[in-house]
């Protein structure tokens, strides 16, 4: 009887280990507090835009401003609340702030809006999986896994993922056309204040 109980307890512990240990390990495999700034350029090196990313654990914010200081200035912010599985796109002009809420497939949604893919937001392996890894490269002084999404005779689509989680560089280009999107700064361990993740009170939400 005692032997059976021991066997049952051992089996239960093993099952718990299989479920709990990978989840715990994943949380320690990548940074969850940092800021990063990205620049998008065309193939000739002309700057097309900049974007700043702030992360404090499971809260993220992406911010960019176009035509700064002009009458047609426009700011775009994407707020992500991973624990709630919610993301918000907020577009602001000098006259109005419009918002849109989203609550599924956060990784793809954020990637489409910002150009930055972060795998722990919900990578199901459809786009990023081990079969398309093509080695490692150094980006911004950090070793990154390189993912080859598509190849062409003189270029292709490639992503470089730091800690196999945060995209630090992306190219979608040939020798004559396309874009390069790359981090120009990455500061880990930054305690981004909670105020950075508070949705503005005067937003008109189109859909929430």
N, C-alpha and C. Protein backbone atom coordinates (compact mmCIF):
# COMPACT_ATOMS: atom_id res chain seq x y z
N UNK A 1 0.83 -1.21 0.00
CA UNK A 1 0.00 0.00 0.00
C UNK A 1 0.86 1.26 0.00
N UNK A 2 1.85 1.27 0.91
CA UNK A 2 2.77 2.41 1.00
C UNK A 2 3.53 2.60 -0.30
N UNK A 3 3.90 1.48 -0.92
CA UNK A 3 4.64 1.55 -2.18
C UNK A 3 3.78 2.16 -3.28
N UNK A 4 2.48 1.81 -3.31
CA UNK A 4 1.57 2.35 -4.33
C UNK A 4 1.40 3.86 -4.16
N UNK A 5 1.29 4.28 -2.89
CA UNK A 5 1.13 5.72 -2.63
C UNK A 5 2.37 6.48 -3.08
N UNK A 6 3.54 5.91 -2.78
CA UNK A 6 4.80 6.55 -3.20
C UNK A 6 4.86 6.66 -4.71
N UNK A 7 4.44 5.60 -5.40
CA UNK A 7 4.46 5.60 -6.87
C UNK A 7 3.52 6.66 -7.42
N UNK A 8 2.32 6.75 -6.81
CA UNK A 8 1.32 7.74 -7.26
C UNK A 8 1.84 9.16 -7.05
N UNK A 9 2.43 9.41 -5.86
CA UNK A 9 2.96 10.75 -5.56
C UNK A 9 4.10 11.11 -6.50
N UNK A 10 4.95 10.14 -6.81
CA UNK A 10 6.07 10.38 -7.71
C UNK A 10 5.57 10.73 -9.11
N UNK A 11 4.54 10.01 -9.56
CA UNK A 11 3.96 10.27 -10.88
C UNK A 11 3.32 11.65 -10.92
N UNK A 12 2.62 12.00 -9.84
CA UNK A 12 1.97 13.31 -9.78
C UNK A 12 3.01 14.43 -9.81
N UNK A 13 4.10 14.24 -9.06
CA UNK A 13 5.17 15.25 -9.04
C UNK A 13 5.80 15.41 -10.42
N UNK A 14 5.97 14.29 -11.12
CA UNK A 14 6.55 14.33 -12.46
C UNK A 14 5.65 15.10 -13.42
N UNK A 15 4.35 14.85 -13.32
CA UNK A 15 3.40 15.56 -14.19
C UNK A 15 3.41 17.06 -13.89
N UNK A 16 3.44 17.41 -12.61
CA UNK A 16 3.50 18.82 -12.25
C UNK A 16 4.77 19.47 -12.77
N UNK A 17 5.87 18.74 -12.70
CA UNK A 17 7.14 19.27 -13.19
C UNK A 17 7.09 19.54 -14.68
N UNK A 18 6.43 18.64 -15.41
CA UNK A 18 6.36 18.81 -16.87
C UNK A 18 5.58 20.06 -17.23
N UNK A 19 4.57 20.39 -16.41
CA UNK A 19 3.75 21.57 -16.71
C UNK A 19 4.33 22.86 -16.15
N UNK A 20 4.89 22.79 -14.94
CA UNK A 20 5.30 24.01 -14.26
C UNK A 20 6.70 24.46 -14.59
N UNK A 21 7.63 23.54 -14.71
CA UNK A 21 9.03 23.92 -14.93
C UNK A 21 9.23 24.65 -16.25
N UNK A 22 8.68 24.19 -17.40
CA UNK A 22 8.87 24.92 -18.63
C UNK A 22 8.32 26.34 -18.55
N UNK A 23 7.17 26.51 -17.88
CA UNK A 23 6.58 27.84 -17.78
C UNK A 23 7.49 28.74 -16.95
N UNK A 24 8.04 28.21 -15.87
CA UNK A 24 8.93 29.00 -15.02
C UNK A 24 10.20 29.35 -15.78
N UNK A 25 10.75 28.39 -16.50
CA UNK A 25 11.99 28.61 -17.25
C UNK A 25 11.80 29.66 -18.33
N UNK A 26 10.64 29.65 -18.99
CA UNK A 26 10.40 30.60 -20.07
C UNK A 26 10.47 32.03 -19.56
N UNK A 27 9.95 32.25 -18.33
CA UNK A 27 9.95 33.60 -17.79
C UNK A 27 11.35 34.10 -17.48
N UNK A 28 12.33 33.20 -17.43
CA UNK A 28 13.69 33.61 -17.13
C UNK A 28 14.61 33.58 -18.35
N UNK A 29 14.06 33.27 -19.50
CA UNK A 29 14.89 33.15 -20.69
C UNK A 29 15.04 34.47 -21.45
N UNK A 30 14.24 35.48 -21.10
CA UNK A 30 14.31 36.74 -21.83
C UNK A 30 14.00 37.90 -20.89
N UNK A 31 14.49 39.08 -21.27
CA UNK A 31 14.25 40.29 -20.48
C UNK A 31 12.78 40.68 -20.56
N UNK A 32 12.26 41.20 -19.45
CA UNK A 32 10.89 41.70 -19.45
C UNK A 32 10.81 43.15 -18.97
N UNK A 33 11.97 43.76 -18.75
CA UNK A 33 12.02 45.19 -18.43
C UNK A 33 13.08 45.83 -19.31
N UNK A 34 12.66 46.74 -20.17
CA UNK A 34 13.63 47.39 -21.06
C UNK A 34 12.97 48.51 -21.85
N UNK A 35 13.80 49.31 -22.48
CA UNK A 35 13.35 50.25 -23.50
C UNK A 35 14.20 50.01 -24.74
N UNK A 36 13.63 50.29 -25.89
CA UNK A 36 14.37 50.13 -27.15
C UNK A 36 13.85 51.15 -28.14
N UNK A 37 14.73 51.62 -29.00
CA UNK A 37 14.33 52.54 -30.07
C UNK A 37 14.70 51.94 -31.42
N UNK A 38 13.79 52.07 -32.37
CA UNK A 38 13.97 51.49 -33.70
C UNK A 38 13.91 52.57 -34.77
N UNK A 39 14.64 52.31 -35.84
CA UNK A 39 14.61 53.19 -37.01
C UNK A 39 14.31 52.36 -38.24
N UNK A 40 13.41 52.86 -39.07
CA UNK A 40 13.14 52.22 -40.36
C UNK A 40 13.80 53.03 -41.46
N UNK A 41 14.51 52.33 -42.36
CA UNK A 41 15.17 52.99 -43.48
C UNK A 41 14.84 52.25 -44.77
N UNK A 42 14.94 52.97 -45.88
CA UNK A 42 14.81 52.28 -47.16
C UNK A 42 16.17 51.70 -47.54
N UNK A 43 16.21 51.01 -48.63
CA UNK A 43 17.41 50.28 -49.02
C UNK A 43 18.59 51.21 -49.29
N UNK A 44 18.31 52.50 -49.53
CA UNK A 44 19.37 53.48 -49.78
C UNK A 44 19.85 54.16 -48.51
N UNK A 45 19.20 53.82 -47.38
CA UNK A 45 19.64 54.37 -46.10
C UNK A 45 18.88 55.60 -45.65
N UNK A 46 17.88 56.02 -46.40
CA UNK A 46 17.09 57.19 -46.00
C UNK A 46 16.13 56.81 -44.88
N UNK A 47 16.10 57.62 -43.83
CA UNK A 47 15.24 57.31 -42.68
C UNK A 47 13.78 57.55 -43.02
N UNK A 48 12.93 56.57 -42.67
CA UNK A 48 11.50 56.66 -42.93
C UNK A 48 10.68 56.89 -41.67
N UNK A 49 11.25 56.58 -40.52
CA UNK A 49 10.51 56.78 -39.27
C UNK A 49 11.20 56.14 -38.09
N UNK A 50 10.74 56.53 -36.89
CA UNK A 50 11.30 56.00 -35.64
C UNK A 50 10.17 55.56 -34.72
N UNK A 51 10.50 54.62 -33.83
CA UNK A 51 9.51 54.11 -32.89
C UNK A 51 10.22 53.74 -31.59
N UNK A 52 9.58 54.04 -30.46
CA UNK A 52 10.15 53.72 -29.15
C UNK A 52 9.28 52.66 -28.48
N UNK A 53 9.94 51.69 -27.88
CA UNK A 53 9.27 50.60 -27.17
C UNK A 53 9.64 50.65 -25.69
N UNK A 54 8.61 50.55 -24.85
CA UNK A 54 8.79 50.50 -23.40
C UNK A 54 8.15 49.21 -22.90
N UNK A 55 8.86 48.50 -22.02
CA UNK A 55 8.27 47.29 -21.43
C UNK A 55 8.56 47.22 -19.95
N UNK A 56 7.53 46.92 -19.18
CA UNK A 56 7.66 46.66 -17.76
C UNK A 56 6.87 45.39 -17.46
N UNK A 57 7.57 44.27 -17.46
CA UNK A 57 6.97 42.96 -17.26
C UNK A 57 5.91 42.69 -18.34
N UNK A 58 4.65 42.59 -17.98
CA UNK A 58 3.62 42.23 -18.96
C UNK A 58 2.86 43.42 -19.52
N UNK A 59 3.42 44.61 -19.35
CA UNK A 59 2.84 45.81 -19.95
C UNK A 59 3.84 46.40 -20.95
N UNK A 60 3.36 46.73 -22.13
CA UNK A 60 4.21 47.27 -23.18
C UNK A 60 3.55 48.48 -23.81
N UNK A 61 4.39 49.36 -24.34
CA UNK A 61 3.88 50.52 -25.08
C UNK A 61 4.83 50.85 -26.21
N UNK A 62 4.27 51.06 -27.38
CA UNK A 62 5.01 51.46 -28.57
C UNK A 62 4.55 52.87 -28.94
N UNK A 63 5.50 53.77 -29.17
CA UNK A 63 5.13 55.17 -29.45
C UNK A 63 5.91 55.72 -30.64
N UNK A 64 5.21 56.44 -31.51
CA UNK A 64 5.89 57.16 -32.58
C UNK A 64 5.11 58.44 -32.90
N UNK A 65 5.84 59.46 -33.35
CA UNK A 65 5.25 60.74 -33.71
C UNK A 65 5.75 61.14 -35.09
N UNK A 66 4.82 61.57 -35.94
CA UNK A 66 5.16 62.02 -37.28
C UNK A 66 4.81 63.49 -37.42
N UNK A 67 5.59 64.20 -38.23
CA UNK A 67 5.38 65.63 -38.48
C UNK A 67 5.39 66.44 -37.18
N UNK A 68 6.33 66.11 -36.31
CA UNK A 68 6.38 66.73 -34.99
C UNK A 68 6.50 68.24 -35.07
N UNK A 69 5.66 68.94 -34.30
CA UNK A 69 5.68 70.38 -34.24
C UNK A 69 4.90 71.07 -35.34
N UNK A 70 4.36 70.29 -36.28
CA UNK A 70 3.59 70.87 -37.38
C UNK A 70 2.09 70.75 -37.11
N UNK A 71 1.31 71.46 -37.91
CA UNK A 71 -0.14 71.42 -37.73
C UNK A 71 -0.72 70.03 -37.94
N UNK A 72 -0.05 69.25 -38.79
CA UNK A 72 -0.55 67.90 -39.07
C UNK A 72 0.20 66.83 -38.26
N UNK A 73 0.73 67.22 -37.10
CA UNK A 73 1.41 66.26 -36.23
C UNK A 73 0.45 65.14 -35.83
N UNK A 74 0.94 63.92 -35.85
CA UNK A 74 0.13 62.77 -35.49
C UNK A 74 0.96 61.80 -34.66
N UNK A 75 0.40 61.35 -33.56
CA UNK A 75 1.09 60.40 -32.68
C UNK A 75 0.32 59.08 -32.67
N UNK A 76 1.06 58.00 -32.67
CA UNK A 76 0.45 56.67 -32.63
C UNK A 76 1.05 55.89 -31.46
N UNK A 77 0.19 55.36 -30.62
CA UNK A 77 0.62 54.56 -29.48
C UNK A 77 -0.11 53.23 -29.48
N UNK A 78 0.63 52.17 -29.21
CA UNK A 78 0.03 50.86 -29.04
C UNK A 78 0.32 50.40 -27.61
N UNK A 79 -0.73 50.20 -26.84
CA UNK A 79 -0.62 49.72 -25.46
C UNK A 79 -0.95 48.23 -25.45
N UNK A 80 -0.13 47.46 -24.76
CA UNK A 80 -0.35 46.01 -24.69
C UNK A 80 -0.37 45.59 -23.22
N UNK A 81 -1.44 44.88 -22.84
CA UNK A 81 -1.58 44.34 -21.50
C UNK A 81 -1.66 42.83 -21.63
N UNK A 82 -0.51 42.20 -21.52
CA UNK A 82 -0.41 40.76 -21.79
C UNK A 82 -1.29 39.93 -20.88
N UNK A 83 -1.33 40.27 -19.58
CA UNK A 83 -2.13 39.50 -18.63
C UNK A 83 -3.62 39.52 -18.97
N UNK A 84 -4.06 40.61 -19.59
CA UNK A 84 -5.47 40.75 -19.95
C UNK A 84 -5.74 40.31 -21.38
N UNK A 85 -4.67 39.96 -22.10
CA UNK A 85 -4.80 39.61 -23.52
C UNK A 85 -5.49 40.74 -24.30
N UNK A 86 -5.08 41.98 -24.01
CA UNK A 86 -5.68 43.14 -24.67
C UNK A 86 -4.60 44.06 -25.22
N UNK A 87 -4.91 44.68 -26.35
CA UNK A 87 -4.05 45.70 -26.93
C UNK A 87 -4.92 46.85 -27.43
N UNK A 88 -4.37 48.04 -27.38
CA UNK A 88 -5.12 49.22 -27.80
C UNK A 88 -4.26 50.05 -28.75
N UNK A 89 -4.84 50.43 -29.85
CA UNK A 89 -4.21 51.35 -30.79
C UNK A 89 -4.85 52.71 -30.60
N UNK A 90 -4.03 53.72 -30.31
CA UNK A 90 -4.55 55.08 -30.10
C UNK A 90 -3.81 56.04 -31.02
N UNK A 91 -4.57 56.75 -31.82
CA UNK A 91 -4.03 57.73 -32.76
C UNK A 91 -4.47 59.12 -32.32
N UNK A 92 -3.49 60.02 -32.19
CA UNK A 92 -3.79 61.35 -31.67
C UNK A 92 -3.34 62.44 -32.64
N UNK A 93 -4.20 63.41 -32.85
CA UNK A 93 -3.84 64.63 -33.58
C UNK A 93 -4.08 65.79 -32.61
N UNK A 94 -3.92 67.01 -33.10
CA UNK A 94 -4.15 68.16 -32.23
C UNK A 94 -5.63 68.38 -31.97
N UNK A 95 -6.48 67.67 -32.70
CA UNK A 95 -7.92 67.86 -32.55
C UNK A 95 -8.65 66.69 -31.90
N UNK A 96 -8.13 65.48 -32.05
CA UNK A 96 -8.90 64.32 -31.62
C UNK A 96 -7.98 63.14 -31.30
N UNK A 97 -8.49 62.27 -30.40
CA UNK A 97 -7.79 61.01 -30.10
C UNK A 97 -8.77 59.87 -30.34
N UNK A 98 -8.39 58.97 -31.22
CA UNK A 98 -9.22 57.83 -31.54
C UNK A 98 -8.55 56.54 -31.09
N UNK A 99 -9.34 55.61 -30.57
CA UNK A 99 -8.78 54.36 -30.09
C UNK A 99 -9.51 53.15 -30.63
N UNK A 100 -8.78 52.02 -30.64
CA UNK A 100 -9.34 50.75 -31.10
C UNK A 100 -8.79 49.66 -30.22
N UNK A 101 -9.66 48.78 -29.71
CA UNK A 101 -9.23 47.70 -28.84
C UNK A 101 -9.16 46.38 -29.58
N UNK A 102 -8.27 45.51 -29.13
CA UNK A 102 -8.08 44.20 -29.77
C UNK A 102 -7.77 43.17 -28.69
N UNK A 103 -8.29 41.94 -28.86
CA UNK A 103 -8.12 40.96 -27.78
C UNK A 103 -7.82 39.54 -28.27
N UNK A 104 -7.13 39.41 -29.38
CA UNK A 104 -6.72 38.06 -29.81
C UNK A 104 -5.46 38.14 -30.64
N UNK A 105 -4.65 37.07 -30.59
CA UNK A 105 -3.42 36.96 -31.37
C UNK A 105 -2.58 38.24 -31.25
N UNK A 106 -2.18 38.55 -30.03
CA UNK A 106 -1.48 39.81 -29.77
C UNK A 106 -0.17 39.92 -30.54
N UNK A 107 0.57 38.82 -30.66
CA UNK A 107 1.86 38.89 -31.34
C UNK A 107 1.70 39.38 -32.78
N UNK A 108 0.76 38.79 -33.50
CA UNK A 108 0.55 39.18 -34.89
C UNK A 108 -0.02 40.59 -35.00
N UNK A 109 -0.97 40.91 -34.13
CA UNK A 109 -1.59 42.24 -34.14
C UNK A 109 -0.55 43.32 -33.91
N UNK A 110 0.27 43.14 -32.87
CA UNK A 110 1.31 44.12 -32.56
C UNK A 110 2.35 44.17 -33.68
N UNK A 111 2.71 43.02 -34.22
CA UNK A 111 3.69 42.98 -35.30
C UNK A 111 3.22 43.72 -36.53
N UNK A 112 1.94 43.57 -36.87
CA UNK A 112 1.40 44.24 -38.05
C UNK A 112 1.34 45.76 -37.84
N UNK A 113 1.02 46.19 -36.61
CA UNK A 113 0.90 47.62 -36.34
C UNK A 113 2.25 48.32 -36.20
N UNK A 114 3.19 47.65 -35.56
CA UNK A 114 4.45 48.31 -35.20
C UNK A 114 5.64 47.83 -36.04
N UNK A 115 5.53 46.63 -36.61
CA UNK A 115 6.66 46.05 -37.32
C UNK A 115 7.57 45.24 -36.41
N UNK A 116 7.27 45.24 -35.10
CA UNK A 116 8.09 44.54 -34.11
C UNK A 116 7.36 43.31 -33.62
N UNK A 117 8.00 42.16 -33.74
CA UNK A 117 7.41 40.91 -33.27
C UNK A 117 8.07 40.50 -31.96
N UNK A 118 7.23 40.14 -30.97
CA UNK A 118 7.70 39.71 -29.66
C UNK A 118 7.02 38.38 -29.38
N UNK A 119 7.81 37.32 -29.34
CA UNK A 119 7.24 35.98 -29.37
C UNK A 119 6.43 35.60 -28.14
N UNK A 120 6.77 36.14 -26.96
CA UNK A 120 6.01 35.73 -25.78
C UNK A 120 4.63 36.37 -25.71
N UNK A 121 4.28 37.19 -26.71
CA UNK A 121 2.92 37.72 -26.78
C UNK A 121 1.95 36.71 -27.39
N UNK A 122 2.49 35.55 -27.78
CA UNK A 122 1.59 34.51 -28.27
C UNK A 122 2.04 33.88 -29.57
N UNK A 123 3.25 33.34 -29.59
CA UNK A 123 3.76 32.70 -30.81
C UNK A 123 3.21 31.28 -30.92
N UNK A 124 2.40 31.04 -31.93
CA UNK A 124 1.84 29.69 -32.12
C UNK A 124 2.67 28.85 -33.08
N UNK A 125 3.79 29.39 -33.54
CA UNK A 125 4.67 28.64 -34.43
C UNK A 125 4.33 28.73 -35.90
N UNK A 126 3.26 29.46 -36.23
CA UNK A 126 2.88 29.58 -37.63
C UNK A 126 3.93 30.34 -38.43
N UNK A 127 4.40 31.45 -37.86
CA UNK A 127 5.42 32.26 -38.55
C UNK A 127 6.81 31.91 -38.07
N UNK A 128 7.01 31.95 -36.76
CA UNK A 128 8.34 31.73 -36.18
C UNK A 128 8.40 30.34 -35.55
N UNK A 129 9.19 29.47 -36.15
CA UNK A 129 9.36 28.12 -35.62
C UNK A 129 10.78 27.65 -35.94
N UNK A 130 11.25 26.61 -35.25
CA UNK A 130 12.64 26.17 -35.42
C UNK A 130 13.03 25.81 -36.85
N UNK A 131 12.06 25.43 -37.68
CA UNK A 131 12.40 24.99 -39.03
C UNK A 131 12.93 26.12 -39.91
N UNK A 132 12.65 27.38 -39.54
CA UNK A 132 13.13 28.49 -40.37
C UNK A 132 14.27 29.27 -39.71
N UNK A 133 14.80 28.74 -38.61
CA UNK A 133 15.98 29.36 -38.02
C UNK A 133 17.18 29.09 -38.93
N UNK A 134 17.98 30.12 -39.16
CA UNK A 134 19.13 29.96 -40.05
C UNK A 134 20.39 30.50 -39.40
N UNK A 135 20.63 30.07 -38.16
CA UNK A 135 21.85 30.46 -37.48
C UNK A 135 21.67 31.67 -36.58
N UNK A 136 22.78 32.28 -36.21
CA UNK A 136 22.77 33.45 -35.34
C UNK A 136 23.62 34.56 -35.95
N UNK A 137 23.30 35.79 -35.57
CA UNK A 137 24.06 36.97 -35.98
C UNK A 137 24.11 37.93 -34.81
N UNK A 138 25.00 38.91 -34.90
CA UNK A 138 25.10 39.94 -33.87
C UNK A 138 24.37 41.20 -34.35
N UNK A 139 23.42 41.65 -33.54
CA UNK A 139 22.69 42.90 -33.81
C UNK A 139 22.80 43.76 -32.56
N UNK A 140 23.28 44.96 -32.72
CA UNK A 140 23.44 45.90 -31.61
C UNK A 140 24.29 45.29 -30.49
N UNK A 141 25.28 44.50 -30.90
CA UNK A 141 26.19 43.89 -29.94
C UNK A 141 25.62 42.70 -29.20
N UNK A 142 24.46 42.20 -29.65
CA UNK A 142 23.81 41.08 -28.97
C UNK A 142 23.56 39.94 -29.95
N UNK A 143 23.77 38.73 -29.46
CA UNK A 143 23.54 37.57 -30.31
C UNK A 143 22.04 37.34 -30.51
N UNK A 144 21.65 37.18 -31.75
CA UNK A 144 20.25 36.98 -32.09
C UNK A 144 20.08 35.75 -32.98
N UNK A 145 18.95 35.08 -32.83
CA UNK A 145 18.59 34.01 -33.75
C UNK A 145 18.04 34.64 -35.03
N UNK A 146 18.49 34.13 -36.16
CA UNK A 146 18.03 34.64 -37.45
C UNK A 146 16.95 33.71 -38.00
N UNK A 147 15.81 34.30 -38.36
CA UNK A 147 14.71 33.56 -38.98
C UNK A 147 14.59 33.98 -40.43
N UNK A 148 14.60 33.02 -41.33
CA UNK A 148 14.43 33.29 -42.75
C UNK A 148 12.99 33.01 -43.14
N UNK A 149 12.23 34.07 -43.36
CA UNK A 149 10.82 33.94 -43.71
C UNK A 149 10.65 33.65 -45.20
N UNK A 150 11.45 34.35 -46.00
CA UNK A 150 11.34 34.19 -47.45
C UNK A 150 12.67 34.58 -48.08
N UNK A 151 13.06 33.91 -49.14
CA UNK A 151 14.29 34.25 -49.84
C UNK A 151 13.98 34.64 -51.28
N UNK A 152 14.86 35.46 -51.82
CA UNK A 152 14.77 35.89 -53.22
C UNK A 152 16.19 35.86 -53.79
N UNK A 153 16.34 35.87 -55.12
CA UNK A 153 17.69 35.80 -55.70
C UNK A 153 18.64 36.87 -55.18
N UNK A 154 18.11 38.06 -54.85
CA UNK A 154 18.99 39.14 -54.38
C UNK A 154 18.51 39.73 -53.06
N UNK A 155 17.84 38.93 -52.23
CA UNK A 155 17.38 39.44 -50.95
C UNK A 155 16.41 38.49 -50.28
N UNK A 156 15.42 39.05 -49.60
CA UNK A 156 14.43 38.23 -48.93
C UNK A 156 13.90 38.91 -47.68
N UNK A 157 13.22 38.13 -46.86
CA UNK A 157 12.65 38.63 -45.61
C UNK A 157 13.27 37.87 -44.45
N UNK A 158 13.94 38.62 -43.56
CA UNK A 158 14.68 38.01 -42.46
C UNK A 158 14.38 38.75 -41.16
N UNK A 159 14.36 38.01 -40.06
CA UNK A 159 14.11 38.58 -38.73
C UNK A 159 15.21 38.11 -37.78
N UNK A 160 15.68 39.02 -36.94
CA UNK A 160 16.68 38.69 -35.93
C UNK A 160 16.06 38.88 -34.55
N UNK A 161 15.99 37.77 -33.76
CA UNK A 161 15.28 37.77 -32.50
C UNK A 161 16.27 37.63 -31.34
N UNK A 162 16.35 38.65 -30.50
CA UNK A 162 17.22 38.63 -29.33
C UNK A 162 16.59 37.76 -28.25
N UNK A 163 17.40 36.90 -27.64
CA UNK A 163 16.94 35.95 -26.62
C UNK A 163 15.81 35.08 -27.17
N UNK A 164 15.79 34.94 -28.49
CA UNK A 164 14.75 34.18 -29.19
C UNK A 164 13.35 34.68 -28.81
N UNK A 165 13.25 36.00 -28.64
CA UNK A 165 11.96 36.56 -28.22
C UNK A 165 11.68 37.94 -28.83
N UNK A 166 12.59 38.89 -28.65
CA UNK A 166 12.36 40.26 -29.10
C UNK A 166 13.05 40.52 -30.43
N UNK A 167 12.30 41.00 -31.41
CA UNK A 167 12.90 41.34 -32.70
C UNK A 167 13.75 42.60 -32.57
N UNK A 168 15.02 42.49 -32.93
CA UNK A 168 15.89 43.66 -32.96
C UNK A 168 16.16 44.16 -34.37
N UNK A 169 15.88 43.31 -35.35
CA UNK A 169 16.11 43.73 -36.73
C UNK A 169 15.21 42.94 -37.68
N UNK A 170 14.80 43.63 -38.74
CA UNK A 170 14.01 42.98 -39.77
C UNK A 170 14.37 43.58 -41.12
N UNK A 171 14.55 42.74 -42.11
CA UNK A 171 14.74 43.25 -43.47
C UNK A 171 13.74 42.58 -44.38
N UNK A 172 13.18 43.36 -45.24
CA UNK A 172 12.29 42.86 -46.29
C UNK A 172 12.69 43.62 -47.54
N UNK A 173 13.70 43.11 -48.22
CA UNK A 173 14.31 43.91 -49.27
C UNK A 173 15.05 43.07 -50.30
N UNK A 174 15.25 43.69 -51.45
CA UNK A 174 16.15 43.17 -52.46
C UNK A 174 17.27 44.19 -52.60
N UNK A 175 18.11 44.02 -53.58
CA UNK A 175 19.22 44.95 -53.76
C UNK A 175 18.75 46.31 -54.25
N UNK A 176 17.50 46.39 -54.72
CA UNK A 176 17.01 47.65 -55.29
C UNK A 176 15.80 48.24 -54.60
N UNK A 177 15.14 47.46 -53.74
CA UNK A 177 13.91 47.96 -53.14
C UNK A 177 13.66 47.26 -51.80
N UNK A 178 12.91 47.96 -50.91
CA UNK A 178 12.56 47.34 -49.65
C UNK A 178 12.93 48.21 -48.46
N UNK A 179 12.78 47.63 -47.24
CA UNK A 179 13.03 48.38 -46.02
C UNK A 179 13.86 47.56 -45.03
N UNK A 180 14.52 48.29 -44.15
CA UNK A 180 15.28 47.72 -43.05
C UNK A 180 14.79 48.38 -41.77
N UNK A 181 14.40 47.58 -40.79
CA UNK A 181 13.88 48.08 -39.53
C UNK A 181 14.77 47.52 -38.43
N UNK A 182 15.44 48.40 -37.69
CA UNK A 182 16.49 47.93 -36.79
C UNK A 182 16.55 48.75 -35.51
N UNK A 183 16.82 48.07 -34.39
CA UNK A 183 16.99 48.77 -33.11
C UNK A 183 18.31 49.53 -33.11
N UNK A 184 18.26 50.77 -32.66
CA UNK A 184 19.47 51.56 -32.52
C UNK A 184 19.85 51.73 -31.05
N UNK A 185 18.96 51.29 -30.15
CA UNK A 185 19.29 51.28 -28.73
C UNK A 185 18.47 50.19 -28.05
N UNK A 186 19.05 49.63 -27.01
CA UNK A 186 18.35 48.63 -26.19
C UNK A 186 18.90 48.76 -24.77
N UNK A 187 18.03 49.11 -23.82
CA UNK A 187 18.45 49.31 -22.44
C UNK A 187 17.66 48.37 -21.53
N UNK A 188 18.28 47.27 -21.10
CA UNK A 188 17.58 46.33 -20.21
C UNK A 188 17.57 46.81 -18.77
N UNK A 189 16.62 46.25 -18.00
CA UNK A 189 16.58 46.54 -16.57
C UNK A 189 15.99 47.88 -16.21
N UNK A 190 15.39 48.56 -17.17
CA UNK A 190 14.81 49.88 -16.91
C UNK A 190 13.45 49.72 -16.23
N UNK A 191 13.25 50.41 -15.12
CA UNK A 191 11.95 50.41 -14.46
C UNK A 191 11.08 51.50 -15.08
N UNK A 192 10.35 51.14 -16.10
CA UNK A 192 9.47 52.10 -16.75
C UNK A 192 8.30 52.40 -15.82
N UNK A 193 8.01 53.67 -15.54
CA UNK A 193 6.93 53.99 -14.59
C UNK A 193 5.57 53.52 -15.08
N UNK A 194 4.71 53.17 -14.14
CA UNK A 194 3.36 52.69 -14.46
C UNK A 194 2.56 53.72 -15.25
N UNK A 195 2.86 55.00 -15.04
CA UNK A 195 2.12 56.05 -15.74
C UNK A 195 2.26 55.95 -17.25
N UNK A 196 3.32 55.31 -17.73
CA UNK A 196 3.52 55.16 -19.17
C UNK A 196 2.49 54.22 -19.79
N UNK A 197 1.83 53.42 -18.96
CA UNK A 197 0.92 52.41 -19.48
C UNK A 197 -0.55 52.71 -19.17
N UNK A 198 -0.82 53.94 -18.75
CA UNK A 198 -2.20 54.35 -18.46
C UNK A 198 -2.81 54.91 -19.73
N UNK A 199 -3.95 54.35 -20.13
CA UNK A 199 -4.62 54.84 -21.33
C UNK A 199 -5.11 56.27 -21.13
N UNK A 200 -4.95 57.14 -22.12
CA UNK A 200 -5.45 58.52 -21.99
C UNK A 200 -6.95 58.53 -21.73
N UNK A 201 -7.39 59.49 -20.91
CA UNK A 201 -8.80 59.53 -20.52
C UNK A 201 -9.70 60.09 -21.61
N UNK A 202 -9.14 60.87 -22.51
CA UNK A 202 -9.97 61.58 -23.51
C UNK A 202 -9.99 60.89 -24.87
N UNK A 203 -9.85 59.58 -24.89
CA UNK A 203 -9.86 58.84 -26.16
C UNK A 203 -11.28 58.45 -26.54
N UNK A 204 -11.62 58.63 -27.80
CA UNK A 204 -12.90 58.14 -28.32
C UNK A 204 -12.65 56.77 -28.93
N UNK A 205 -13.13 55.73 -28.28
CA UNK A 205 -12.91 54.37 -28.77
C UNK A 205 -13.95 54.02 -29.83
N UNK A 206 -13.42 53.63 -30.99
CA UNK A 206 -14.28 53.20 -32.09
C UNK A 206 -14.85 51.83 -31.80
N UNK A 207 -14.02 50.96 -31.21
CA UNK A 207 -14.44 49.61 -30.89
C UNK A 207 -13.61 49.15 -29.71
N UNK A 208 -14.21 48.65 -28.70
CA UNK A 208 -13.47 48.23 -27.51
C UNK A 208 -13.91 46.85 -27.07
